[in-house]
């Protein structure tokens, strides 16, 4: 559930996002839907890199995978819809693809 649904004000929610972007260069927002999906905020501003979206999977697992991709972005790697799969942590990989223009 979102933090606003848990009683935080809109201002408190945005302040938390801004702090995470200031400290880490990005933040993530998880959407409870079917299937669930998570997206980044801050990659464009911090790293001049397109934002990332990942669908499916448990929020904790998705957060770990997205953080792994962002670590590569911090090191100067660039990814787009045509990038080959990226091996992470020696145990899994992530694939890249286009996001429908509607989204």
Protein backbone atom coordinates (compact mmCIF):
# COMPACT_ATOMS: atom_id res chain seq x y z
CA UNK A 1 0.00 0.00 0.00
CA UNK A 2 1.22 3.55 -0.63
CA UNK A 3 2.37 5.70 2.27
CA UNK A 4 -0.42 8.22 1.66
CA UNK A 5 -2.89 5.37 2.14
CA UNK A 6 -1.05 4.65 5.41
CA UNK A 7 -1.75 8.18 6.70
CA UNK A 8 1.15 10.28 5.42
CA UNK A 9 0.33 13.62 3.81
CA UNK A 10 1.04 14.30 0.15
CA UNK A 11 3.79 16.73 1.24
CA UNK A 12 5.40 14.10 3.50
CA UNK A 13 5.38 11.59 0.67
CA UNK A 14 7.03 14.01 -1.76
CA UNK A 15 9.59 15.10 0.83
CA UNK A 16 10.63 11.48 1.32
CA UNK A 17 10.99 11.00 -2.44
CA UNK A 18 13.09 14.17 -2.80
CA UNK A 19 15.37 13.12 0.07
CA UNK A 20 15.93 9.66 -1.46
CA UNK A 21 16.74 11.24 -4.83
CA UNK A 22 19.14 13.73 -3.19
CA UNK A 23 20.94 10.98 -1.27
CA UNK A 24 20.86 8.11 -3.78
CA UNK A 25 20.29 9.83 -7.11
CA UNK A 26 16.98 8.01 -7.55
CA UNK A 27 14.04 6.45 -5.79
CA UNK A 28 11.54 3.74 -6.68
CA UNK A 29 7.78 3.57 -6.50
CA UNK A 30 6.01 0.22 -6.33
CA UNK A 31 2.48 -0.14 -7.65
CA UNK A 32 0.28 -2.87 -6.24
CA UNK A 33 -1.60 -4.06 -9.30
CA UNK A 34 -1.94 -7.25 -11.26
CA UNK A 35 0.79 -7.64 -12.26
CA UNK A 36 2.67 -5.39 -9.83
CA UNK A 37 5.14 -2.94 -11.30
CA UNK A 38 7.86 -0.62 -10.04
CA UNK A 39 9.41 2.45 -11.62
CA UNK A 40 12.34 4.73 -10.88
CA UNK A 41 12.32 8.48 -10.42
CA UNK A 42 15.50 10.55 -10.63
CA UNK A 43 17.62 8.76 -13.21
CA UNK A 44 17.05 11.43 -15.85
CA UNK A 45 18.09 14.24 -13.53
CA UNK A 46 20.91 12.47 -11.72
CA UNK A 47 22.44 10.38 -14.50
CA UNK A 48 20.91 11.67 -17.76
CA UNK A 49 19.49 8.17 -18.21
CA UNK A 50 15.91 7.13 -19.02
CA UNK A 51 13.84 5.94 -16.09
CA UNK A 52 13.35 2.20 -15.60
CA UNK A 53 10.17 0.16 -15.17
CA UNK A 54 9.99 -3.45 -14.02
CA UNK A 55 6.85 -5.56 -13.92
CA UNK A 56 6.04 -8.64 -11.90
CA UNK A 57 7.94 -10.03 -8.95
CA UNK A 58 7.94 -9.24 -5.26
CA UNK A 59 8.73 -5.62 -4.41
CA UNK A 60 11.88 -6.49 -2.46
CA UNK A 61 13.26 -8.61 -5.30
CA UNK A 62 12.40 -5.99 -7.90
CA UNK A 63 14.01 -3.24 -5.79
CA UNK A 64 17.21 -5.29 -5.54
CA UNK A 65 17.28 -5.86 -9.30
CA UNK A 66 16.59 -2.23 -10.16
CA UNK A 67 19.26 -1.10 -7.70
CA UNK A 68 21.70 -3.46 -9.41
CA UNK A 69 20.91 -1.90 -12.79
CA UNK A 70 21.27 1.61 -11.32
CA UNK A 71 24.70 0.63 -9.94
CA UNK A 72 25.75 -0.04 -13.54
CA UNK A 73 24.26 3.28 -14.64
CA UNK A 74 26.27 5.07 -11.92
CA UNK A 75 29.38 3.43 -13.39
CA UNK A 76 28.55 4.93 -16.78
CA UNK A 77 26.65 2.10 -18.48
CA UNK A 78 23.64 3.03 -20.60
CA UNK A 79 20.60 0.87 -21.29
CA UNK A 80 17.72 1.16 -23.72
CA UNK A 81 15.06 -1.13 -25.17
CA UNK A 82 17.63 -2.77 -27.46
CA UNK A 83 20.26 -3.48 -24.80
CA UNK A 84 21.19 -7.14 -24.31
CA UNK A 85 20.23 -8.80 -21.00
CA UNK A 86 22.35 -7.71 -18.05
CA UNK A 87 23.71 -10.33 -15.65
CA UNK A 88 23.35 -9.27 -12.03
CA UNK A 89 24.95 -10.78 -8.92
CA UNK A 90 25.96 -13.89 -10.84
CA UNK A 91 22.56 -15.42 -10.18
CA UNK A 92 20.06 -13.66 -12.42
CA UNK A 93 19.75 -11.30 -15.33
CA UNK A 94 17.38 -8.57 -16.42
CA UNK A 95 16.13 -8.02 -19.95
CA UNK A 96 15.31 -4.67 -21.50
CA UNK A 97 12.47 -3.84 -23.84
CA UNK A 98 10.23 -1.02 -24.96
CA UNK A 99 7.49 0.45 -22.82
CA UNK A 100 4.17 0.94 -24.56
CA UNK A 101 3.72 4.69 -25.37
CA UNK A 102 0.46 4.65 -23.41
CA UNK A 103 2.50 4.01 -20.27
